Amino acid sequence: MTTKLLAIVVAALILGGTVSCTAGGKSMPEDAAGLTRADVSELSLRQEFNRYREHYEEMQRVLAAAQRAVHEGEWDWNGGDDNPQIGGDGRTPLPGADVDNSYFLESSRAWTPEGATGSRGDLDPMIDYFEHRGANMHIERVADTYYLDGSVRDGWHVEYFIQPSGRYSLTVSSDLFWTNNADALARAVFGRASLRWPDRSSPGEYPEPPEWDAPIINRPRI
């Protein structure tokens, strides 16, 4: 095998996890769940809705694992987290993605440890969490706030902020997912959502995401 051919084969293997190919050999970018736009184009809105629910529940599992790494008790909610977020620009680029054909999910929680002052050592439990999983992470200090972020599994990112005020925040977000119509999906979710969430909850506790067969109870304001 020539050096040039070997390089092509290696490159193809490396890219294999993020793109698929058409019969003609043209690459097709895969989203955070491993589907291409062609795959998603065959889905009905109901199927996309059910796919969204699967992503939402996966997000909650990632969030709960990260929460337990630093605090098993209750966390404060920072608002609801069941609506798809506007896509286009993602943490990981998805060629061809825009606000109409993609979305992502995000959820945040916060807590205030007793006597906390934003010490660098308070990052240690989260650092251990990343290292135990062999995951890459980045730590940065901005003024008096420490910021840690990284990817703990394919398609999911964790961010942890610790501040001198003693307020510590944790956010989990996904890479982009393809959709046939971001607005239609968002309306379908919003229309069925209870728009209620707890003030506080323990890791792994969250309201069930809306179901397709639930009645439409919310109408978008125009």
N, C-alpha and C. Protein backbone atom coordinates (compact mmCIF):
# COMPACT_ATOMS: atom_id res chain seq x y z
N MET A 1 0.85 -1.19 0.00
CA MET A 1 0.00 0.00 0.00
C MET A 1 0.89 1.25 0.00
N THR A 2 0.61 2.18 -0.92
CA THR A 2 1.41 3.39 -0.99
C THR A 2 1.13 4.29 0.20
N THR A 3 2.08 5.22 0.44
CA THR A 3 1.91 6.15 1.56
C THR A 3 0.65 6.99 1.38
N LYS A 4 0.40 7.44 0.15
CA LYS A 4 -0.76 8.28 -0.11
C LYS A 4 -2.05 7.52 0.15
N LEU A 5 -2.11 6.26 -0.32
CA LEU A 5 -3.31 5.47 -0.13
C LEU A 5 -3.54 5.17 1.34
N LEU A 6 -2.45 4.88 2.06
CA LEU A 6 -2.56 4.61 3.49
C LEU A 6 -3.13 5.82 4.22
N ALA A 7 -2.67 7.00 3.85
CA ALA A 7 -3.17 8.23 4.48
C ALA A 7 -4.66 8.40 4.26
N ILE A 8 -5.13 8.05 3.06
CA ILE A 8 -6.55 8.17 2.75
C ILE A 8 -7.37 7.21 3.59
N VAL A 9 -6.86 5.97 3.72
CA VAL A 9 -7.57 4.96 4.50
C VAL A 9 -7.66 5.38 5.96
N VAL A 10 -6.54 5.87 6.52
CA VAL A 10 -6.52 6.29 7.91
C VAL A 10 -7.50 7.44 8.13
N ALA A 11 -7.50 8.41 7.23
CA ALA A 11 -8.41 9.55 7.36
C ALA A 11 -9.86 9.10 7.33
N ALA A 12 -10.16 8.14 6.47
CA ALA A 12 -11.52 7.63 6.37
C ALA A 12 -11.96 6.96 7.66
N LEU A 13 -11.03 6.22 8.27
CA LEU A 13 -11.35 5.54 9.52
C LEU A 13 -11.59 6.54 10.64
N ILE A 14 -10.77 7.60 10.68
CA ILE A 14 -10.92 8.62 11.72
C ILE A 14 -12.26 9.33 11.59
N LEU A 15 -12.67 9.64 10.36
CA LEU A 15 -13.90 10.37 10.14
C LEU A 15 -15.13 9.50 10.22
N GLY A 16 -14.92 8.20 10.24
CA GLY A 16 -16.04 7.28 10.21
C GLY A 16 -17.02 7.47 11.33
N GLY A 17 -16.56 7.98 12.48
CA GLY A 17 -17.45 8.16 13.62
C GLY A 17 -18.33 9.38 13.51
N THR A 18 -18.05 10.28 12.57
CA THR A 18 -18.81 11.52 12.51
C THR A 18 -19.51 11.74 11.18
N VAL A 19 -19.20 10.94 10.16
CA VAL A 19 -19.86 11.09 8.87
C VAL A 19 -20.23 9.73 8.31
N SER A 20 -21.28 9.73 7.48
CA SER A 20 -21.63 8.56 6.69
C SER A 20 -21.43 8.94 5.24
N CYS A 21 -21.54 7.98 4.37
CA CYS A 21 -21.33 8.26 2.95
C CYS A 21 -22.53 7.82 2.14
N THR A 22 -22.82 8.57 1.09
CA THR A 22 -23.85 8.18 0.14
C THR A 22 -23.27 7.13 -0.78
N ALA A 23 -24.11 6.59 -1.65
CA ALA A 23 -23.64 5.58 -2.59
C ALA A 23 -22.55 6.14 -3.48
N GLY A 24 -22.58 7.44 -3.71
CA GLY A 24 -21.57 8.06 -4.55
C GLY A 24 -20.31 8.42 -3.81
N GLY A 25 -20.28 8.14 -2.51
CA GLY A 25 -19.08 8.42 -1.74
C GLY A 25 -19.06 9.77 -1.06
N LYS A 26 -20.13 10.57 -1.19
CA LYS A 26 -20.16 11.90 -0.58
C LYS A 26 -20.46 11.77 0.91
N SER A 27 -19.70 12.46 1.74
CA SER A 27 -19.88 12.36 3.18
C SER A 27 -21.17 13.03 3.63
N MET A 28 -21.80 12.45 4.66
CA MET A 28 -23.03 12.98 5.22
C MET A 28 -22.83 13.15 6.73
N PRO A 29 -22.73 14.38 7.21
CA PRO A 29 -22.46 14.61 8.63
C PRO A 29 -23.51 13.98 9.53
N GLU A 30 -23.05 13.38 10.63
CA GLU A 30 -23.95 12.77 11.61
C GLU A 30 -24.12 13.69 12.81
N ASP A 31 -25.31 13.69 13.37
CA ASP A 31 -25.57 14.54 14.53
C ASP A 31 -25.13 13.87 15.82
N ALA A 32 -25.49 14.45 16.95
CA ALA A 32 -25.03 13.96 18.24
C ALA A 32 -25.51 12.55 18.55
N ALA A 33 -26.55 12.10 17.86
CA ALA A 33 -27.07 10.75 18.07
C ALA A 33 -26.66 9.79 16.96
N GLY A 34 -25.83 10.27 16.03
CA GLY A 34 -25.33 9.40 14.98
C GLY A 34 -26.22 9.29 13.75
N LEU A 35 -27.20 10.19 13.60
CA LEU A 35 -28.07 10.17 12.43
C LEU A 35 -27.69 11.27 11.45
N THR A 36 -27.92 11.02 10.17
CA THR A 36 -27.68 12.01 9.13
C THR A 36 -28.98 12.74 8.81
N ARG A 37 -28.88 13.80 8.03
CA ARG A 37 -30.09 14.51 7.60
C ARG A 37 -30.98 13.59 6.79
N ALA A 38 -30.35 12.71 6.00
CA ALA A 38 -31.13 11.76 5.20
C ALA A 38 -31.91 10.81 6.11
N ASP A 39 -31.27 10.37 7.18
CA ASP A 39 -31.96 9.50 8.14
C ASP A 39 -33.18 10.21 8.72
N VAL A 40 -32.97 11.44 9.16
CA VAL A 40 -34.03 12.19 9.82
C VAL A 40 -35.14 12.58 8.85
N SER A 41 -34.80 12.76 7.58
CA SER A 41 -35.81 13.16 6.59
C SER A 41 -36.91 12.12 6.44
N GLU A 42 -36.64 10.90 6.86
CA GLU A 42 -37.62 9.82 6.76
C GLU A 42 -38.52 9.74 7.99
N LEU A 43 -38.26 10.58 8.98
CA LEU A 43 -39.03 10.53 10.22
C LEU A 43 -40.23 11.47 10.16
N SER A 44 -41.34 11.04 10.74
CA SER A 44 -42.49 11.91 10.91
C SER A 44 -42.24 12.83 12.09
N LEU A 45 -43.10 13.84 12.25
CA LEU A 45 -42.94 14.74 13.40
C LEU A 45 -43.11 13.96 14.70
N ARG A 46 -44.02 13.01 14.71
CA ARG A 46 -44.21 12.20 15.92
C ARG A 46 -42.94 11.41 16.25
N GLN A 47 -42.32 10.84 15.24
CA GLN A 47 -41.08 10.09 15.47
C GLN A 47 -39.97 11.01 15.96
N GLU A 48 -39.91 12.22 15.40
CA GLU A 48 -38.91 13.18 15.88
C GLU A 48 -39.19 13.59 17.33
N PHE A 49 -40.45 13.72 17.66
CA PHE A 49 -40.84 14.07 19.03
C PHE A 49 -40.37 12.99 20.00
N ASN A 50 -40.59 11.74 19.63
CA ASN A 50 -40.16 10.64 20.49
C ASN A 50 -38.64 10.58 20.58
N ARG A 51 -37.97 10.94 19.49
CA ARG A 51 -36.51 11.00 19.50
C ARG A 51 -36.03 12.10 20.45
N TYR A 52 -36.73 13.23 20.42
CA TYR A 52 -36.41 14.32 21.35
C TYR A 52 -36.53 13.84 22.80
N ARG A 53 -37.59 13.09 23.11
CA ARG A 53 -37.78 12.58 24.47
C ARG A 53 -36.60 11.70 24.90
N GLU A 54 -36.12 10.87 24.00
CA GLU A 54 -34.97 10.01 24.31
C GLU A 54 -33.74 10.86 24.62
N HIS A 55 -33.53 11.92 23.83
CA HIS A 55 -32.39 12.80 24.07
C HIS A 55 -32.54 13.51 25.42
N TYR A 56 -33.76 13.94 25.73
CA TYR A 56 -34.00 14.64 26.99
C TYR A 56 -33.67 13.73 28.18
N GLU A 57 -34.12 12.50 28.13
CA GLU A 57 -33.87 11.58 29.24
C GLU A 57 -32.38 11.23 29.33
N GLU A 58 -31.71 11.16 28.20
CA GLU A 58 -30.26 10.93 28.22
C GLU A 58 -29.56 12.12 28.88
N MET A 59 -30.01 13.33 28.56
CA MET A 59 -29.44 14.52 29.18
C MET A 59 -29.58 14.46 30.70
N GLN A 60 -30.73 14.03 31.17
CA GLN A 60 -30.95 13.96 32.61
C GLN A 60 -30.04 12.92 33.27
N ARG A 61 -29.75 11.83 32.56
CA ARG A 61 -28.83 10.83 33.11
C ARG A 61 -27.41 11.39 33.21
N VAL A 62 -26.99 12.11 32.19
CA VAL A 62 -25.66 12.73 32.22
C VAL A 62 -25.59 13.75 33.35
N LEU A 63 -26.63 14.57 33.46
CA LEU A 63 -26.67 15.59 34.50
C LEU A 63 -26.62 14.97 35.90
N ALA A 64 -27.42 13.93 36.13
CA ALA A 64 -27.48 13.30 37.45
C ALA A 64 -26.14 12.72 37.85
N ALA A 65 -25.45 12.10 36.90
CA ALA A 65 -24.14 11.51 37.21
C ALA A 65 -23.14 12.59 37.61
N ALA A 66 -23.18 13.73 36.90
CA ALA A 66 -22.27 14.83 37.23
C ALA A 66 -22.64 15.45 38.57
N GLN A 67 -23.93 15.58 38.85
CA GLN A 67 -24.36 16.14 40.14
C GLN A 67 -23.86 15.28 41.30
N ARG A 68 -24.06 13.98 41.18
CA ARG A 68 -23.69 13.07 42.28
C ARG A 68 -22.19 13.09 42.55
N ALA A 69 -21.42 13.46 41.54
CA ALA A 69 -19.97 13.50 41.72
C ALA A 69 -19.56 14.56 42.74
N VAL A 70 -20.39 15.60 42.89
CA VAL A 70 -20.03 16.68 43.81
C VAL A 70 -21.00 16.89 44.96
N HIS A 71 -22.27 16.46 44.77
CA HIS A 71 -23.26 16.71 45.83
C HIS A 71 -24.47 15.81 45.62
N GLU A 72 -24.73 14.94 46.60
CA GLU A 72 -25.85 13.99 46.50
C GLU A 72 -27.18 14.62 46.91
N GLY A 73 -27.12 15.78 47.55
CA GLY A 73 -28.34 16.41 48.05
C GLY A 73 -29.09 17.19 46.98
N GLU A 74 -29.92 18.11 47.44
CA GLU A 74 -30.77 18.86 46.52
C GLU A 74 -30.01 19.97 45.80
N TRP A 75 -30.46 20.24 44.58
CA TRP A 75 -29.92 21.31 43.75
C TRP A 75 -31.08 22.23 43.36
N ASP A 76 -30.76 23.50 43.16
CA ASP A 76 -31.75 24.47 42.70
C ASP A 76 -31.89 24.39 41.18
N TRP A 77 -33.12 24.54 40.72
CA TRP A 77 -33.36 24.61 39.28
C TRP A 77 -33.16 26.04 38.80
N ASN A 78 -32.66 26.16 37.57
CA ASN A 78 -32.49 27.48 36.95
C ASN A 78 -33.51 27.65 35.83
N GLY A 79 -34.75 27.30 36.10
CA GLY A 79 -35.79 27.37 35.08
C GLY A 79 -36.02 26.01 34.44
N GLY A 80 -36.96 25.97 33.49
CA GLY A 80 -37.28 24.72 32.81
C GLY A 80 -36.21 24.30 31.83
N ASP A 81 -36.25 23.02 31.45
CA ASP A 81 -35.21 22.52 30.54
C ASP A 81 -35.74 21.57 29.48
N ASP A 82 -37.08 21.57 29.27
CA ASP A 82 -37.63 20.58 28.36
C ASP A 82 -37.87 21.08 26.94
N ASN A 83 -37.60 22.34 26.67
CA ASN A 83 -37.79 22.85 25.31
C ASN A 83 -36.51 22.77 24.49
N PRO A 84 -36.59 22.32 23.23
CA PRO A 84 -35.40 22.31 22.37
C PRO A 84 -34.84 23.72 22.20
N GLN A 85 -33.53 23.82 22.20
CA GLN A 85 -32.86 25.11 22.04
C GLN A 85 -32.53 25.36 20.56
N ILE A 86 -32.43 26.63 20.20
CA ILE A 86 -32.16 27.00 18.80
C ILE A 86 -30.81 26.47 18.36
N GLY A 87 -30.79 25.78 17.24
CA GLY A 87 -29.56 25.19 16.73
C GLY A 87 -28.78 26.13 15.83
N GLY A 88 -28.00 25.54 14.96
CA GLY A 88 -27.15 26.32 14.05
C GLY A 88 -25.71 26.24 14.46
N ASP A 89 -25.34 26.99 15.49
CA ASP A 89 -23.97 26.99 16.00
C ASP A 89 -23.89 26.07 17.22
N GLY A 90 -23.13 25.00 17.10
CA GLY A 90 -23.00 24.07 18.20
C GLY A 90 -21.61 24.05 18.79
N ARG A 91 -21.48 23.42 19.95
CA ARG A 91 -20.16 23.27 20.57
C ARG A 91 -19.23 22.53 19.62
N THR A 92 -19.77 21.53 18.94
CA THR A 92 -19.04 20.80 17.92
C THR A 92 -19.68 21.12 16.58
N PRO A 93 -18.94 21.65 15.61
CA PRO A 93 -19.53 22.03 14.32
C PRO A 93 -20.25 20.86 13.65
N LEU A 94 -21.41 21.14 13.07
CA LEU A 94 -22.17 20.17 12.29
C LEU A 94 -22.42 20.79 10.93
N PRO A 95 -21.62 20.42 9.92
CA PRO A 95 -21.73 21.04 8.61
C PRO A 95 -23.16 20.99 8.06
N GLY A 96 -23.64 22.15 7.62
CA GLY A 96 -24.97 22.24 7.05
C GLY A 96 -26.06 22.59 8.05
N ALA A 97 -25.72 22.62 9.33
CA ALA A 97 -26.73 22.90 10.36
C ALA A 97 -27.06 24.38 10.40
N ASP A 98 -28.34 24.68 10.60
CA ASP A 98 -28.78 26.06 10.79
C ASP A 98 -29.94 26.07 11.79
N VAL A 99 -30.53 27.24 12.00
CA VAL A 99 -31.59 27.36 13.01
C VAL A 99 -32.86 26.63 12.61
N ASP A 100 -33.00 26.30 11.34
CA ASP A 100 -34.21 25.63 10.87
C ASP A 100 -34.12 24.11 10.89
N ASN A 101 -32.91 23.57 10.84
CA ASN A 101 -32.79 22.11 10.70
C ASN A 101 -32.03 21.44 11.83
N SER A 102 -31.81 22.14 12.93
CA SER A 102 -31.07 21.53 14.04
C SER A 102 -31.49 22.15 15.36
N TYR A 103 -31.18 21.46 16.44
CA TYR A 103 -31.46 21.95 17.79
C TYR A 103 -30.52 21.27 18.76
N PHE A 104 -30.50 21.76 20.00
CA PHE A 104 -29.73 21.09 21.04
C PHE A 104 -30.52 21.17 22.34
N LEU A 105 -30.08 20.43 23.34
CA LEU A 105 -30.72 20.44 24.65
C LEU A 105 -29.74 20.92 25.70
N GLU A 106 -30.26 21.54 26.73
CA GLU A 106 -29.41 22.07 27.80
C GLU A 106 -30.18 22.09 29.11
N SER A 107 -29.50 21.78 30.20
CA SER A 107 -30.11 21.81 31.52
C SER A 107 -29.10 22.27 32.55
N SER A 108 -29.54 23.08 33.51
CA SER A 108 -28.64 23.63 34.54
C SER A 108 -29.22 23.44 35.93
N ARG A 109 -28.33 23.27 36.89
CA ARG A 109 -28.69 23.23 38.30
C ARG A 109 -27.63 24.02 39.08
N ALA A 110 -27.95 24.40 40.31
CA ALA A 110 -27.00 25.15 41.13
C ALA A 110 -27.17 24.76 42.60
N TRP A 111 -26.10 24.95 43.37
CA TRP A 111 -26.19 24.71 44.81
C TRP A 111 -25.22 25.64 45.52
N THR A 112 -25.40 25.78 46.82
CA THR A 112 -24.55 26.67 47.62
C THR A 112 -24.01 25.89 48.81
N PRO A 113 -22.81 25.32 48.67
CA PRO A 113 -22.22 24.57 49.79
C PRO A 113 -22.02 25.46 51.01
N GLU A 114 -22.25 24.93 52.17
CA GLU A 114 -22.09 25.70 53.40
C GLU A 114 -20.64 26.17 53.54
N GLY A 115 -20.47 27.47 53.72
CA GLY A 115 -19.14 28.04 53.92
C GLY A 115 -18.29 28.14 52.67
N ALA A 116 -18.86 27.85 51.50
CA ALA A 116 -18.09 27.87 50.26
C ALA A 116 -17.67 29.29 49.89
N THR A 117 -16.46 29.41 49.36
CA THR A 117 -15.94 30.72 48.94
C THR A 117 -15.31 30.68 47.55
N GLY A 118 -15.59 29.61 46.79
CA GLY A 118 -15.03 29.52 45.44
C GLY A 118 -13.60 29.04 45.41
N SER A 119 -13.20 28.25 46.38
CA SER A 119 -11.83 27.73 46.43
C SER A 119 -11.55 26.80 45.26
N ARG A 120 -10.33 26.89 44.71
CA ARG A 120 -9.92 26.02 43.60
C ARG A 120 -10.08 24.55 43.96
N GLY A 121 -9.88 24.21 45.22
CA GLY A 121 -10.01 22.82 45.64
C GLY A 121 -11.42 22.28 45.52
N ASP A 122 -12.42 23.16 45.44
CA ASP A 122 -13.80 22.70 45.30
C ASP A 122 -14.08 22.12 43.92
N LEU A 123 -13.13 22.28 43.00
CA LEU A 123 -13.25 21.64 41.69
C LEU A 123 -12.84 20.17 41.73
N ASP A 124 -12.14 19.75 42.78
CA ASP A 124 -11.54 18.42 42.80
C ASP A 124 -12.53 17.28 42.56
N PRO A 125 -13.72 17.29 43.18
CA PRO A 125 -14.66 16.20 42.91
C PRO A 125 -15.05 16.10 41.43
N MET A 126 -15.20 17.25 40.77
CA MET A 126 -15.55 17.22 39.35
C MET A 126 -14.36 16.79 38.51
N ILE A 127 -13.17 17.20 38.91
CA ILE A 127 -11.96 16.74 38.21
C ILE A 127 -11.85 15.23 38.30
N ASP A 128 -12.11 14.68 39.49
CA ASP A 128 -12.07 13.22 39.67
C ASP A 128 -13.11 12.54 38.78
N TYR A 129 -14.28 13.18 38.65
CA TYR A 129 -15.35 12.64 37.81
C TYR A 129 -14.89 12.51 36.36
N PHE A 130 -14.23 13.54 35.86
CA PHE A 130 -13.73 13.49 34.48
C PHE A 130 -12.60 12.48 34.34
N GLU A 131 -11.66 12.50 35.27
CA GLU A 131 -10.50 11.61 35.18
C GLU A 131 -10.91 10.15 35.28
N HIS A 132 -11.90 9.85 36.10
CA HIS A 132 -12.38 8.47 36.25
C HIS A 132 -12.93 7.94 34.93
N ARG A 133 -13.45 8.84 34.11
CA ARG A 133 -14.01 8.44 32.82
C ARG A 133 -13.02 8.61 31.67
N GLY A 134 -11.81 9.03 32.00
CA GLY A 134 -10.83 9.24 30.95
C GLY A 134 -11.23 10.33 29.99
N ALA A 135 -12.01 11.30 30.48
CA ALA A 135 -12.52 12.37 29.62
C ALA A 135 -11.62 13.59 29.66
N ASN A 136 -11.57 14.29 28.55
CA ASN A 136 -10.80 15.53 28.47
C ASN A 136 -11.56 16.66 29.15
N MET A 137 -10.82 17.57 29.76
CA MET A 137 -11.46 18.72 30.40
C MET A 137 -10.55 19.94 30.29
N HIS A 138 -11.14 21.08 30.52
CA HIS A 138 -10.42 22.35 30.47
C HIS A 138 -10.78 23.14 31.71
N ILE A 139 -9.78 23.68 32.39
CA ILE A 139 -10.00 24.49 33.59
C ILE A 139 -9.46 25.89 33.34
N GLU A 140 -10.26 26.87 33.67
CA GLU A 140 -9.85 28.26 33.46
C GLU A 140 -10.31 29.12 34.64
N ARG A 141 -9.52 30.12 34.95
CA ARG A 141 -9.91 31.07 35.98
C ARG A 141 -10.15 32.42 35.33
N VAL A 142 -11.32 32.97 35.54
CA VAL A 142 -11.68 34.29 35.02
C VAL A 142 -12.01 35.16 36.23
N ALA A 143 -11.15 36.15 36.49
CA ALA A 143 -11.26 36.95 37.72
C ALA A 143 -11.19 35.99 38.90
N ASP A 144 -12.24 35.94 39.71
CA ASP A 144 -12.24 35.06 40.88
C ASP A 144 -13.13 33.83 40.69
N THR A 145 -13.55 33.59 39.46
CA THR A 145 -14.44 32.46 39.17
C THR A 145 -13.67 31.36 38.45
N TYR A 146 -13.82 30.13 38.92
CA TYR A 146 -13.21 28.98 38.25
C TYR A 146 -14.25 28.31 37.35
N TYR A 147 -13.77 27.88 36.20
CA TYR A 147 -14.65 27.32 35.18
C TYR A 147 -14.02 26.02 34.68
N LEU A 148 -14.78 24.94 34.72
CA LEU A 148 -14.31 23.64 34.22
C LEU A 148 -15.32 23.15 33.19
N ASP A 149 -14.84 22.71 32.05
CA ASP A 149 -15.75 22.12 31.08
C ASP A 149 -15.07 20.99 30.33
N GLY A 150 -15.86 20.13 29.77
CA GLY A 150 -15.34 19.00 29.01
C GLY A 150 -16.46 18.12 28.52
N SER A 151 -16.10 17.08 27.78
CA SER A 151 -17.07 16.13 27.24
C SER A 151 -16.92 14.81 27.97
N VAL A 152 -18.01 14.33 28.56
CA VAL A 152 -17.94 13.10 29.33
C VAL A 152 -18.39 11.89 28.53
N ARG A 153 -19.05 12.13 27.42
CA ARG A 153 -19.42 11.06 26.49
C ARG A 153 -19.74 11.70 25.15
N ASP A 154 -19.83 10.89 24.10
CA ASP A 154 -20.07 11.44 22.77
C ASP A 154 -21.34 12.28 22.76
N GLY A 155 -21.18 13.52 22.31
CA GLY A 155 -22.34 14.38 22.12
C GLY A 155 -22.81 15.15 23.32
N TRP A 156 -22.15 14.98 24.50
CA TRP A 156 -22.61 15.66 25.71
C TRP A 156 -21.47 16.36 26.43
N HIS A 157 -21.75 17.57 26.89
CA HIS A 157 -20.75 18.41 27.54
C HIS A 157 -21.21 18.81 28.94
N VAL A 158 -20.24 18.92 29.84
CA VAL A 158 -20.51 19.31 31.22
C VAL A 158 -19.69 20.55 31.55
N GLU A 159 -20.33 21.56 32.15
CA GLU A 159 -19.65 22.77 32.60
C GLU A 159 -19.93 22.98 34.09
N TYR A 160 -18.91 23.37 34.83
CA TYR A 160 -19.07 23.59 36.27
C TYR A 160 -18.40 24.90 36.64
N PHE A 161 -19.17 25.81 37.24
CA PHE A 161 -18.67 27.12 37.67
C PHE A 161 -18.67 27.18 39.19
N ILE A 162 -17.57 27.66 39.78
CA ILE A 162 -17.57 27.93 41.22
C ILE A 162 -17.16 29.38 41.42
N GLN A 163 -17.95 30.10 42.23
CA GLN A 163 -17.77 31.53 42.40
C GLN A 163 -17.48 31.89 43.86
N PRO A 164 -16.81 33.01 44.09
CA PRO A 164 -16.50 33.45 45.46
C PRO A 164 -17.74 33.61 46.33
N SER A 165 -18.88 33.87 45.70
CA SER A 165 -20.13 34.02 46.44
C SER A 165 -20.57 32.71 47.08
N GLY A 166 -19.97 31.60 46.64
CA GLY A 166 -20.37 30.29 47.12
C GLY A 166 -21.46 29.65 46.30
N ARG A 167 -21.85 30.31 45.22
CA ARG A 167 -22.87 29.77 44.32
C ARG A 167 -22.17 28.96 43.24
N TYR A 168 -22.46 27.66 43.18
CA TYR A 168 -21.81 26.77 42.23
C TYR A 168 -22.85 26.25 41.23
N SER A 169 -22.54 26.34 39.94
CA SER A 169 -23.50 26.00 38.90
C SER A 169 -22.99 24.88 38.00
N LEU A 170 -23.89 24.01 37.60
CA LEU A 170 -23.57 22.88 36.73
C LEU A 170 -24.50 22.89 35.53
N THR A 171 -23.94 22.79 34.34
CA THR A 171 -24.73 22.79 33.11
C THR A 171 -24.33 21.62 32.23
N VAL A 172 -25.32 20.94 31.69
CA VAL A 172 -25.10 19.87 30.72
C VAL A 172 -25.75 20.30 29.41
N SER A 173 -25.04 20.15 28.30
CA SER A 173 -25.60 20.51 27.00
C SER A 173 -25.19 19.47 25.97
N SER A 174 -25.98 19.37 24.94
CA SER A 174 -25.71 18.40 23.87
C SER A 174 -25.08 19.07 22.67
N ASP A 175 -24.50 18.26 21.80
CA ASP A 175 -24.17 18.74 20.47
C ASP A 175 -25.48 18.82 19.69
N LEU A 176 -25.40 19.21 18.44
CA LEU A 176 -26.60 19.43 17.63
C LEU A 176 -27.26 18.12 17.18
N PHE A 177 -28.59 18.17 17.10
CA PHE A 177 -29.39 17.09 16.53
C PHE A 177 -30.07 17.62 15.28
N TRP A 178 -30.13 16.79 14.24
CA TRP A 178 -30.87 17.17 13.04
C TRP A 178 -32.38 17.13 13.31
N THR A 179 -33.12 17.97 12.60
CA THR A 179 -34.57 17.93 12.60
C THR A 179 -35.05 18.37 11.23
N ASN A 180 -36.23 17.94 10.84
CA ASN A 180 -36.78 18.37 9.56
C ASN A 180 -37.34 19.79 9.64
N ASN A 181 -37.78 20.17 10.83
CA ASN A 181 -38.36 21.50 11.01
C ASN A 181 -38.25 21.87 12.48
N ALA A 182 -37.27 22.68 12.80
CA ALA A 182 -37.01 23.03 14.20
C ALA A 182 -38.21 23.74 14.83
N ASP A 183 -38.87 24.61 14.06
CA ASP A 183 -40.00 25.35 14.61
C ASP A 183 -41.16 24.42 14.91
N ALA A 184 -41.44 23.49 14.00
CA ALA A 184 -42.54 22.54 14.21
C ALA A 184 -42.28 21.66 15.43
N LEU A 185 -41.04 21.22 15.59
CA LEU A 185 -40.71 20.39 16.74
C LEU A 185 -40.83 21.18 18.04
N ALA A 186 -40.32 22.41 18.04
CA ALA A 186 -40.40 23.25 19.24
C ALA A 186 -41.85 23.53 19.62
N ARG A 187 -42.70 23.78 18.61
CA ARG A 187 -44.12 24.02 18.89
C ARG A 187 -44.79 22.77 19.45
N ALA A 188 -44.41 21.62 18.90
CA ALA A 188 -45.00 20.36 19.36
C ALA A 188 -44.64 20.10 20.82
N VAL A 189 -43.40 20.38 21.19
CA VAL A 189 -42.97 20.17 22.57
C VAL A 189 -43.60 21.21 23.49
N PHE A 190 -43.49 22.48 23.11
CA PHE A 190 -44.02 23.56 23.94
C PHE A 190 -45.52 23.41 24.16
N GLY A 191 -46.23 23.03 23.10
CA GLY A 191 -47.68 22.91 23.20
C GLY A 191 -48.14 21.89 24.21
N ARG A 192 -47.32 20.86 24.44
CA ARG A 192 -47.69 19.78 25.35
C ARG A 192 -47.00 19.89 26.72
N ALA A 193 -46.07 20.82 26.85
CA ALA A 193 -45.28 20.94 28.08
C ALA A 193 -46.11 21.54 29.21
N SER A 194 -45.88 21.05 30.42
CA SER A 194 -46.61 21.58 31.58
C SER A 194 -46.10 22.95 31.99
N LEU A 195 -44.88 23.28 31.60
CA LEU A 195 -44.23 24.54 31.98
C LEU A 195 -44.14 24.67 33.50
N ARG A 196 -44.03 23.54 34.16
CA ARG A 196 -43.85 23.52 35.61
C ARG A 196 -42.61 22.70 35.94
N TRP A 197 -41.85 23.20 36.87
CA TRP A 197 -40.67 22.47 37.30
C TRP A 197 -40.44 22.78 38.78
N PRO A 198 -39.74 21.90 39.47
CA PRO A 198 -39.53 22.11 40.91
C PRO A 198 -38.53 23.23 41.18
N ASP A 199 -38.62 23.80 42.36
CA ASP A 199 -37.61 24.77 42.78
C ASP A 199 -36.30 24.07 43.07
N ARG A 200 -36.39 22.85 43.64
CA ARG A 200 -35.20 22.09 43.99
C ARG A 200 -35.50 20.61 43.76
N SER A 201 -34.44 19.84 43.51
CA SER A 201 -34.60 18.40 43.36
C SER A 201 -33.26 17.72 43.57
N SER A 202 -33.30 16.45 43.91
CA SER A 202 -32.08 15.65 44.05
C SER A 202 -31.66 15.13 42.68
N PRO A 203 -30.41 14.72 42.51
CA PRO A 203 -29.95 14.19 41.23
C PRO A 203 -30.84 13.05 40.74
N GLY A 204 -31.21 13.10 39.48
CA GLY A 204 -32.05 12.07 38.89
C GLY A 204 -33.53 12.32 39.01
N GLU A 205 -33.92 13.37 39.72
CA GLU A 205 -35.33 13.72 39.86
C GLU A 205 -35.67 14.86 38.91
N TYR A 206 -36.68 14.64 38.08
CA TYR A 206 -37.11 15.66 37.13
C TYR A 206 -38.51 15.30 36.62
N PRO A 207 -39.29 16.29 36.21
CA PRO A 207 -40.61 16.01 35.66
C PRO A 207 -40.48 15.24 34.35
N GLU A 208 -41.42 14.34 34.11
CA GLU A 208 -41.40 13.61 32.85
C GLU A 208 -41.55 14.60 31.68
N PRO A 209 -40.80 14.42 30.61
CA PRO A 209 -40.96 15.30 29.46
C PRO A 209 -42.34 15.09 28.84
N PRO A 210 -42.83 16.07 28.10
CA PRO A 210 -44.17 15.95 27.50
C PRO A 210 -44.26 14.75 26.56
N GLU A 211 -45.46 14.19 26.44
CA GLU A 211 -45.71 13.06 25.57
C GLU A 211 -46.53 13.49 24.36
N TRP A 212 -46.33 12.80 23.26
CA TRP A 212 -47.02 13.15 22.02
C TRP A 212 -48.53 13.11 22.17
N ASP A 213 -49.05 12.12 22.89
CA ASP A 213 -50.49 11.96 23.02
C ASP A 213 -51.11 12.90 24.04
N ALA A 214 -50.30 13.71 24.70
CA ALA A 214 -50.83 14.68 25.66
C ALA A 214 -51.57 15.79 24.91
N PRO A 215 -52.58 16.40 25.52
CA PRO A 215 -53.32 17.47 24.85
C PRO A 215 -52.47 18.72 24.67
N ILE A 216 -52.83 19.50 23.67
CA ILE A 216 -52.17 20.79 23.46
C ILE A 216 -52.73 21.78 24.49
N ILE A 217 -51.87 22.28 25.36
CA ILE A 217 -52.33 23.17 26.43
C ILE A 217 -51.70 24.56 26.34
N ASN A 218 -50.72 24.72 25.47
CA ASN A 218 -50.05 26.02 25.32
C ASN A 218 -50.06 26.43 23.86
N ARG A 219 -50.33 27.68 23.61
CA ARG A 219 -50.27 28.23 22.26
C ARG A 219 -49.21 29.32 22.23
N PRO A 220 -48.37 29.33 21.20
CA PRO A 220 -47.34 30.38 21.12
C PRO A 220 -47.98 31.75 20.99
N ARG A 221 -47.38 32.73 21.66
CA ARG A 221 -47.88 34.10 21.55
C ARG A 221 -47.30 34.76 20.31
N ILE A 222 -48.13 35.41 19.57
CA ILE A 222 -47.70 36.07 18.33
C ILE A 222 -47.69 37.59 18.54
